[in-house]
Amino acid sequence: MHVAITGADLLTCHGGTDATYAALTKGVDGSRALRFYDTDRINVTRGYHVDDEVGDDGDELPLRAGRWLARCVLGAVRKAGVDPARERVSVIVGTGLRELRAVERWALDGVPVRRRELHFTTAVREVLPEASEVITVSNACSASGHALALAQDLLAAGEADAVVAAGCDAMSESMLTMIGRVADAPTPALQPFQEGRAGVLLGEGAVAVVLRRAADAGPSALATVLGTGLSCDAHHETAPDVGGIVAAMRDAHRRAGVTPQDIGLVLAHGTGTALNDPTEAAALDTVFAGAAPGPVVTGIKGAIGHTSGSAALMSLLVAVEAMRSGSVPATVGLTKPIEAAAGLRLVIGEPAPCEARVAQVNAFGFGGVNAVSVIRVDR
C-alpha cells in the first residue's frame, strides 16, 4: 500500500531542514574539530556535530539524541496538522546507538542516567503525550529505513491513522573509537566514491516524517512512499555484500511496482569507506543494467557525515526536495570517482538538473541489515 508524507522535519550539523538543504546545494562540508573527546586517544579528530547548547562546565548536555528527536517529531507533527488527541498516532524511532553516550558518561564520569531514558518513549512523550505507542528499533545504519517500512505496515494493517517514522543518533566514544582503530591516521574528510578516500566520519542529528495512507493524505502531501525493500544477509559482521544489497533494491522495486527504468534519482548510502562504495556501485550496476542512461546518483554524507540510524530518512528528505526543486545537490568531497563507480551518473562539483519523479534511497548497516525505499513526487 502506498503511503504519503504529510509533514517532515530534520536537524543536522547545518541546522534545520532549509539550512541543511541550502548547505547541500552550496557544497558545504559541515565537519569541524571534534568536541568532547580525547582525539589523540581515539584517533579521530573531526566530526559533524549538531551545534547545540553545552552545560555550565562546557561539557555536553545529557541525552542529546532524545532532545533532537523530540524537536523533530514535534516539528513534523505540527507541519502535518496531526491531532494525536483525536487520531491514533504511532511513533517508530530507528536508531543505531540509542542513548549509548549517556551510558558511557554514566560508566566513565559518573553522570547518572535512568534506564527508561535509554528508550526514546520518554523523549517523544514529552512533546506528544497522546501518542498511541512509541517503538524504538535499533537496526544499525539503516534503522530509520526500517522504521519507515514498519510505519507502512502499521498503516496497511489499519493499526494507526498516522505514523511518525523517525531516526536519531548522537556520537559516542565507543563508535568513534571503532572507526579510529581501523584507520592508520585520522580521516581528514568523508569523500563518498572518491579515489583515495580515507574512511568515514560520524555525523549526528534527528529526522521525522509523518505518514498517512495515500488515500487520506490530501493534495498537500510532500511525496508518496511507493515501497520499502529490506534484507538481512548476515554475510559478515561489518563488510557489505553485493547480493544482499541487490536483494533489498529488487524487493523495493517489486513492492513499489516500478522497474529500474522508472527511477531517475538515487540517493546513495555512500559512506566513503574502502568496502561500501565499490560494493554499492556494483549493486547499482547490477540492478540498473540495461536501464540506460540510468539514474542520477548523489550522496549527502560528505556534507553531513554518517548520521547512523538517521541516515535513511535524511537521504529520503533530500530526494524529496531534489525532485520538488528540480535540482540535485552534488556529492560533497567527490572530485575523482573510483573506477568501480565509472558506470554511475554521479553528481560532481555542481548541482544537476532533476526531472525525476521517482527516486530510490539506499541505506545499509553492519551485518547486512539493508533498507531501500522508493518514493514519488508529483509536482
Protein backbone atom coordinates (compact mmCIF):
# COMPACT_ATOMS: atom_id res chain seq x y z
CA MET A 1 0.00 0.00 0.00
CA HIS A 2 1.26 3.47 -0.89
CA VAL A 3 1.59 5.99 1.95
CA ALA A 4 2.07 9.76 1.80
CA ILE A 5 4.50 12.01 3.64
CA THR A 6 2.41 14.89 5.00
CA GLY A 7 4.96 16.59 7.26
CA ALA A 8 8.68 16.37 7.96
CA ASP A 9 11.48 17.92 9.97
CA LEU A 10 15.18 17.27 10.40
CA LEU A 11 18.24 18.55 12.26
CA THR A 12 21.85 18.14 11.15
CA CYS A 13 25.19 19.84 11.72
CA HIS A 14 23.96 22.60 9.39
CA GLY A 15 20.75 23.25 11.30
CA GLY A 16 17.15 22.60 10.31
CA THR A 17 15.60 21.40 7.08
CA ASP A 18 16.01 24.56 4.99
CA ALA A 19 19.51 25.33 6.26
CA THR A 20 20.64 21.77 5.61
CA TYR A 21 19.37 21.70 2.05
CA ALA A 22 20.90 25.12 1.37
CA ALA A 23 24.27 23.84 2.62
CA LEU A 24 23.97 20.75 0.42
CA THR A 25 23.20 22.92 -2.60
CA LYS A 26 26.28 25.06 -1.90
CA GLY A 27 28.50 22.01 -1.35
CA VAL A 28 29.37 22.87 2.25
CA ASP A 29 31.36 20.30 4.24
CA GLY A 30 29.87 20.55 7.72
CA SER A 31 32.70 18.79 9.55
CA ARG A 32 34.76 20.50 12.23
CA ALA A 33 37.11 19.73 15.08
CA LEU A 34 35.66 17.03 17.32
CA ARG A 35 34.21 18.17 20.64
CA PHE A 36 34.03 16.38 24.00
CA TYR A 37 36.61 13.66 23.27
CA ASP A 38 40.34 12.91 23.63
CA THR A 39 41.11 12.92 19.92
CA ASP A 40 44.66 11.60 20.30
CA ARG A 41 43.41 8.53 22.13
CA ILE A 42 40.56 7.66 19.77
CA ASN A 43 42.44 8.56 16.54
CA VAL A 44 39.53 10.68 15.25
CA THR A 45 39.82 14.46 15.04
CA ARG A 46 36.77 15.60 13.05
CA GLY A 47 33.03 15.07 13.05
CA TYR A 48 29.72 16.64 12.03
CA HIS A 49 28.39 17.96 15.32
CA VAL A 50 24.95 19.39 15.91
CA ASP A 51 25.58 22.87 17.28
CA ASP A 52 23.55 22.79 20.47
CA GLU A 53 23.95 24.05 24.00
CA VAL A 54 26.56 22.83 26.45
CA GLY A 55 26.45 22.62 30.22
CA ASP A 56 27.86 25.15 32.66
CA ASP A 57 31.13 23.21 32.68
CA GLY A 58 31.38 23.37 28.88
CA ASP A 59 30.60 19.68 28.57
CA GLU A 60 27.83 18.12 26.52
CA LEU A 61 24.30 18.01 27.81
CA PRO A 62 22.89 14.57 28.62
CA LEU A 63 20.51 12.66 26.36
CA ARG A 64 21.21 14.83 23.32
CA ALA A 65 19.75 12.38 20.79
CA GLY A 66 16.40 12.37 22.57
CA ARG A 67 16.33 16.18 22.66
CA TRP A 68 16.82 16.36 18.90
CA LEU A 69 14.30 13.60 18.30
CA ALA A 70 11.62 15.39 20.33
CA ARG A 71 12.22 18.60 18.38
CA CYS A 72 11.86 16.88 15.02
CA VAL A 73 8.84 14.78 15.98
CA LEU A 74 7.02 17.87 17.22
CA GLY A 75 8.01 19.84 14.12
CA ALA A 76 6.84 17.14 11.73
CA VAL A 77 3.53 16.61 13.53
CA ARG A 78 2.78 20.33 13.53
CA LYS A 79 3.57 20.66 9.84
CA ALA A 80 1.34 17.70 9.07
CA GLY A 81 -1.55 19.07 11.10
CA VAL A 82 -1.93 15.83 13.05
CA ASP A 83 -4.08 15.86 16.19
CA PRO A 84 -2.99 12.98 18.47
CA ALA A 85 -5.91 13.70 20.78
CA ARG A 86 -8.36 12.76 18.02
CA GLU A 87 -6.34 10.27 15.95
CA ARG A 88 -4.36 7.11 16.58
CA VAL A 89 -0.76 8.23 16.13
CA SER A 90 2.11 5.78 16.46
CA VAL A 91 5.79 6.74 16.59
CA ILE A 92 8.56 4.44 15.38
CA VAL A 93 12.14 5.55 16.03
CA GLY A 94 15.06 4.00 14.20
CA THR A 95 18.47 4.33 15.82
CA GLY A 96 21.89 2.77 15.68
CA LEU A 97 23.14 3.74 19.13
CA ARG A 98 20.09 4.86 21.14
CA GLU A 99 21.46 6.91 24.08
CA LEU A 100 24.74 5.00 24.25
CA ARG A 101 26.65 8.18 25.05
CA ALA A 102 24.63 8.53 28.24
CA VAL A 103 25.70 5.03 29.29
CA GLU A 104 29.34 5.87 28.55
CA ARG A 105 29.18 9.02 30.67
CA TRP A 106 27.49 7.06 33.45
CA ALA A 107 30.28 4.47 33.40
CA LEU A 108 33.22 6.81 32.86
CA ASP A 109 32.20 10.09 34.51
CA GLY A 110 29.53 9.08 36.98
CA VAL A 111 26.80 11.10 35.25
CA PRO A 112 23.61 9.27 36.29
CA VAL A 113 21.01 8.09 33.82
CA ARG A 114 17.71 6.29 34.31
CA ARG A 115 17.40 3.16 32.23
CA ARG A 116 13.98 4.11 30.88
CA GLU A 117 15.56 7.18 29.28
CA LEU A 118 17.66 4.95 27.02
CA HIS A 119 14.46 4.10 25.15
CA PHE A 120 13.01 7.09 23.31
CA THR A 121 9.50 6.81 24.77
CA THR A 122 10.27 9.41 27.42
CA ALA A 123 11.61 11.96 24.92
CA VAL A 124 8.73 11.50 22.48
CA ARG A 125 6.00 11.65 25.11
CA GLU A 126 7.34 14.95 26.40
CA VAL A 127 6.13 16.54 23.15
CA LEU A 128 3.50 14.02 22.05
CA PRO A 129 1.92 12.63 25.24
CA GLU A 130 -1.16 11.32 23.43
CA ALA A 131 0.80 9.05 21.07
CA SER A 132 -0.74 5.59 20.90
CA GLU A 133 2.65 3.92 21.14
CA VAL A 134 6.36 4.66 20.83
CA ILE A 135 8.55 1.92 19.39
CA THR A 136 12.35 2.05 19.24
CA VAL A 137 14.10 -0.18 16.71
CA SER A 138 17.88 -0.48 16.59
CA ASN A 139 18.85 -1.62 13.10
CA ALA A 140 22.34 -0.19 12.65
CA CYS A 141 22.79 2.40 9.92
CA SER A 142 19.58 1.52 8.07
CA ALA A 143 17.44 1.91 11.18
CA SER A 144 15.21 4.77 10.05
CA GLY A 145 14.62 2.91 6.76
CA HIS A 146 13.31 0.01 8.82
CA ALA A 147 11.18 2.44 10.84
CA LEU A 148 9.69 3.62 7.55
CA ALA A 149 8.90 0.05 6.49
CA LEU A 150 7.21 -0.68 9.82
CA ALA A 151 5.21 2.54 9.54
CA GLN A 152 3.93 1.43 6.14
CA ASP A 153 2.91 -1.91 7.64
CA LEU A 154 1.02 -0.29 10.53
CA LEU A 155 -0.95 1.89 8.13
CA ALA A 156 -1.65 -1.02 5.79
CA ALA A 157 -2.93 -3.08 8.71
CA GLY A 158 -5.22 -0.27 9.87
CA GLU A 159 -3.46 -0.08 13.24
CA ALA A 160 -2.93 3.69 13.09
CA ASP A 161 -4.37 6.78 11.41
CA ALA A 162 -0.95 8.38 11.14
CA VAL A 163 2.56 7.17 11.92
CA VAL A 164 5.65 9.21 12.68
CA ALA A 165 8.74 7.44 11.33
CA ALA A 166 11.88 8.93 12.81
CA GLY A 167 15.58 8.46 13.31
CA CYS A 168 18.17 9.90 15.68
CA ASP A 169 21.71 9.35 16.85
CA ALA A 170 24.44 11.22 18.69
CA MET A 171 28.12 10.39 18.52
CA SER A 172 29.52 8.07 21.15
CA GLU A 173 33.09 7.46 22.27
CA SER A 174 32.89 3.75 21.56
CA MET A 175 31.66 4.30 17.98
CA LEU A 176 34.29 6.96 17.35
CA THR A 177 36.96 4.65 18.74
CA MET A 178 35.84 1.86 16.45
CA ILE A 179 36.30 3.96 13.30
CA GLY A 180 39.57 5.36 14.64
CA ARG A 181 41.09 1.96 15.37
CA VAL A 182 40.67 0.74 11.78
CA ALA A 183 42.46 3.79 10.34
CA ASP A 184 46.22 4.33 10.19
CA ALA A 185 45.72 8.07 10.66
CA PRO A 186 42.72 10.27 11.45
CA THR A 187 40.38 10.64 8.49
CA PRO A 188 40.55 14.26 7.27
CA ALA A 189 37.31 14.24 5.24
CA LEU A 190 34.44 11.96 4.28
CA GLN A 191 34.54 11.58 0.47
CA PRO A 192 31.91 9.24 -0.99
CA PHE A 193 33.03 7.30 -4.10
CA GLN A 194 36.29 9.28 -4.20
CA GLU A 195 39.55 7.75 -5.41
CA GLY A 196 41.89 7.59 -2.41
CA ARG A 197 39.11 8.15 0.13
CA ALA A 198 40.29 7.77 3.72
CA GLY A 199 37.19 6.49 5.50
CA VAL A 200 34.07 7.52 7.35
CA LEU A 201 33.37 10.36 9.78
CA LEU A 202 30.37 10.45 12.08
CA GLY A 203 27.52 12.92 11.96
CA GLU A 204 24.60 13.32 14.30
CA GLY A 205 21.08 14.66 14.39
CA ALA A 206 17.47 13.60 14.02
CA VAL A 207 14.71 13.38 11.44
CA ALA A 208 10.98 12.67 11.45
CA VAL A 209 8.30 12.21 8.79
CA VAL A 210 4.55 11.88 9.25
CA LEU A 211 2.87 9.23 7.13
CA ARG A 212 -0.75 8.63 6.21
CA ARG A 213 -2.45 6.29 3.82
CA ALA A 214 -2.19 7.96 0.42
CA ALA A 215 -5.97 7.95 0.02
CA ASP A 216 -6.30 10.02 3.22
CA ALA A 217 -3.44 12.45 2.68
CA GLY A 218 -4.98 15.17 0.54
CA PRO A 219 -3.30 17.26 -2.15
CA SER A 220 -0.62 18.86 0.04
CA ALA A 221 1.45 15.69 0.56
CA LEU A 222 5.19 16.16 0.09
CA ALA A 223 5.75 12.77 -1.52
CA THR A 224 4.43 9.23 -1.79
CA VAL A 225 6.34 6.26 -0.43
CA LEU A 226 5.75 3.55 -3.00
CA GLY A 227 7.58 0.78 -1.18
CA THR A 228 10.50 -0.21 1.04
CA GLY A 229 12.58 -3.33 0.50
CA LEU A 230 14.56 -4.99 3.27
CA SER A 231 17.25 -7.63 3.50
CA CYS A 232 19.39 -9.09 6.26
CA ASP A 233 22.06 -11.11 4.50
CA ALA A 234 24.33 -11.70 7.57
CA HIS A 235 27.24 -12.00 5.14
CA HIS A 236 29.75 -10.51 7.56
CA GLU A 237 29.81 -8.57 10.82
CA THR A 238 30.79 -5.35 9.06
CA ALA A 239 31.52 -5.94 5.35
CA PRO A 240 28.69 -5.30 2.88
CA ASP A 241 27.58 -7.90 0.35
CA VAL A 242 26.54 -7.15 -3.23
CA GLY A 243 23.94 -9.92 -3.23
CA GLY A 244 22.22 -8.69 -0.08
CA ILE A 245 22.10 -5.12 -1.33
CA VAL A 246 20.77 -6.17 -4.73
CA ALA A 247 18.08 -8.22 -2.98
CA ALA A 248 16.92 -5.17 -1.00
CA MET A 249 16.83 -2.99 -4.13
CA ARG A 250 14.82 -5.52 -6.10
CA ASP A 251 12.48 -6.08 -3.17
CA ALA A 252 11.87 -2.33 -3.04
CA HIS A 253 11.12 -2.19 -6.78
CA ARG A 254 8.74 -5.13 -6.52
CA ARG A 255 6.85 -3.63 -3.58
CA ALA A 256 6.73 -0.22 -5.27
CA GLY A 257 5.52 -1.64 -8.58
CA VAL A 258 8.33 0.02 -10.55
CA THR A 259 11.14 -1.08 -12.84
CA PRO A 260 14.72 0.26 -12.87
CA GLN A 261 13.78 2.34 -15.93
CA ASP A 262 11.24 4.25 -13.82
CA ILE A 263 13.82 5.52 -11.33
CA GLY A 264 15.51 8.80 -12.20
CA LEU A 265 17.40 9.55 -8.97
CA VAL A 266 19.33 7.51 -6.41
CA LEU A 267 20.39 8.79 -3.01
CA ALA A 268 23.34 6.52 -2.30
CA HIS A 269 24.43 5.27 1.11
CA GLY A 270 27.95 6.45 0.13
CA THR A 271 29.99 6.19 3.33
CA GLY A 272 33.40 6.91 1.81
CA THR A 273 34.81 3.62 3.10
CA ALA A 274 37.04 1.12 1.30
CA LEU A 275 34.35 -1.56 1.05
CA ASN A 276 30.97 0.18 0.98
CA ASP A 277 31.48 2.43 -2.03
CA PRO A 278 32.63 -0.18 -4.59
CA THR A 279 30.08 -2.68 -3.25
CA GLU A 280 27.23 -0.20 -3.58
CA ALA A 281 28.43 0.80 -7.06
CA ALA A 282 28.49 -2.86 -8.13
CA ALA A 283 24.97 -3.39 -6.79
CA LEU A 284 23.68 -0.33 -8.67
CA ASP A 285 25.40 -1.51 -11.85
CA THR A 286 23.68 -4.88 -11.47
CA VAL A 287 20.19 -3.57 -10.76
CA PHE A 288 20.23 -0.80 -13.38
CA ALA A 289 21.95 -2.80 -16.14
CA GLY A 290 20.01 -2.18 -19.34
CA ALA A 291 18.26 0.89 -17.95
CA ALA A 292 20.41 3.38 -19.89
CA PRO A 293 21.27 6.11 -19.21
CA GLY A 294 20.43 5.15 -15.64
CA PRO A 295 19.53 7.32 -12.68
CA VAL A 296 21.41 10.35 -11.45
CA VAL A 297 23.29 9.38 -8.27
CA THR A 298 24.31 11.55 -5.34
CA GLY A 299 25.09 11.16 -1.64
CA ILE A 300 24.92 13.51 1.33
CA LYS A 301 27.39 12.14 3.87
CA GLY A 302 30.26 14.32 2.66
CA ALA A 303 28.18 17.29 3.80
CA ILE A 304 26.53 15.99 7.00
CA GLY A 305 28.59 12.94 7.98
CA HIS A 306 27.35 9.43 8.59
CA THR A 307 24.34 10.01 10.81
CA SER A 308 23.89 6.31 11.62
CA GLY A 309 20.25 5.49 12.37
CA SER A 310 19.04 8.80 10.90
CA ALA A 311 20.77 8.31 7.55
CA ALA A 312 17.96 6.66 5.57
CA LEU A 313 15.26 9.24 6.30
CA MET A 314 17.67 12.16 5.92
CA SER A 315 18.55 10.94 2.43
CA LEU A 316 14.84 10.42 1.71
CA LEU A 317 14.02 14.04 2.54
CA VAL A 318 16.87 15.26 0.34
CA ALA A 319 15.49 13.13 -2.50
CA VAL A 320 12.06 14.70 -1.97
CA GLU A 321 13.46 18.22 -2.08
CA ALA A 322 15.64 17.46 -5.12
CA MET A 323 12.62 16.27 -7.09
CA ARG A 324 10.41 19.12 -5.89
CA SER A 325 13.03 21.78 -6.65
CA GLY A 326 14.34 20.23 -9.86
CA SER A 327 17.96 20.32 -8.66
CA VAL A 328 20.14 17.52 -7.25
CA PRO A 329 22.95 18.56 -4.87
CA ALA A 330 26.44 17.40 -5.79
CA THR A 331 28.25 14.80 -3.69
CA VAL A 332 30.42 16.88 -1.35
CA GLY A 333 34.02 15.67 -1.28
CA LEU A 334 33.85 13.92 -4.64
CA THR A 335 36.16 15.11 -7.44
CA LYS A 336 37.62 11.92 -8.92
CA PRO A 337 35.34 8.84 -8.72
CA ILE A 338 36.65 5.36 -8.06
CA GLU A 339 36.90 3.07 -11.05
CA ALA A 340 34.11 0.87 -9.68
CA ALA A 341 31.73 3.83 -9.97
CA ALA A 342 32.62 4.68 -13.57
CA GLY A 343 29.21 3.47 -14.75
CA LEU A 344 27.25 5.70 -12.36
CA ARG A 345 25.90 9.14 -13.24
CA LEU A 346 27.38 10.74 -10.12
CA VAL A 347 26.68 14.42 -9.47
CA ILE A 348 30.08 16.08 -9.09
CA GLY A 349 31.04 19.69 -8.46
CA GLU A 350 27.76 21.48 -9.11
CA PRO A 351 24.07 20.62 -8.64
CA ALA A 352 22.49 18.80 -11.57
CA PRO A 353 19.07 19.39 -13.13
CA CYS A 354 16.49 16.89 -11.96
CA GLU A 355 13.47 15.86 -13.96
CA ALA A 356 12.97 12.66 -11.96
CA ARG A 357 9.65 11.90 -10.32
CA VAL A 358 10.68 8.58 -8.79
CA ALA A 359 13.74 8.14 -6.55
CA GLN A 360 15.47 5.31 -4.75
CA VAL A 361 17.02 5.80 -1.31
CA ASN A 362 19.72 3.38 -0.11
CA ALA A 363 20.67 2.60 3.50
CA PHE A 364 22.90 -0.27 4.59
CA GLY A 365 24.05 -1.43 8.02
CA PHE A 366 26.51 -3.75 9.68
CA GLY A 367 25.55 -7.39 9.41
CA GLY A 368 23.87 -6.83 6.06
CA VAL A 369 20.87 -5.03 7.55
CA ASN A 370 19.69 -3.16 4.46
CA ALA A 371 16.74 -0.90 3.64
CA VAL A 372 15.92 0.60 0.25
CA SER A 373 12.93 2.88 -0.31
CA VAL A 374 11.25 4.08 -3.50
CA ILE A 375 9.40 7.40 -3.42
CA ARG A 376 7.49 9.52 -5.91
CA VAL A 377 6.92 13.27 -6.07
CA ASP A 378 4.10 14.74 -8.14
CA ARG A 379 4.53 18.39 -9.00
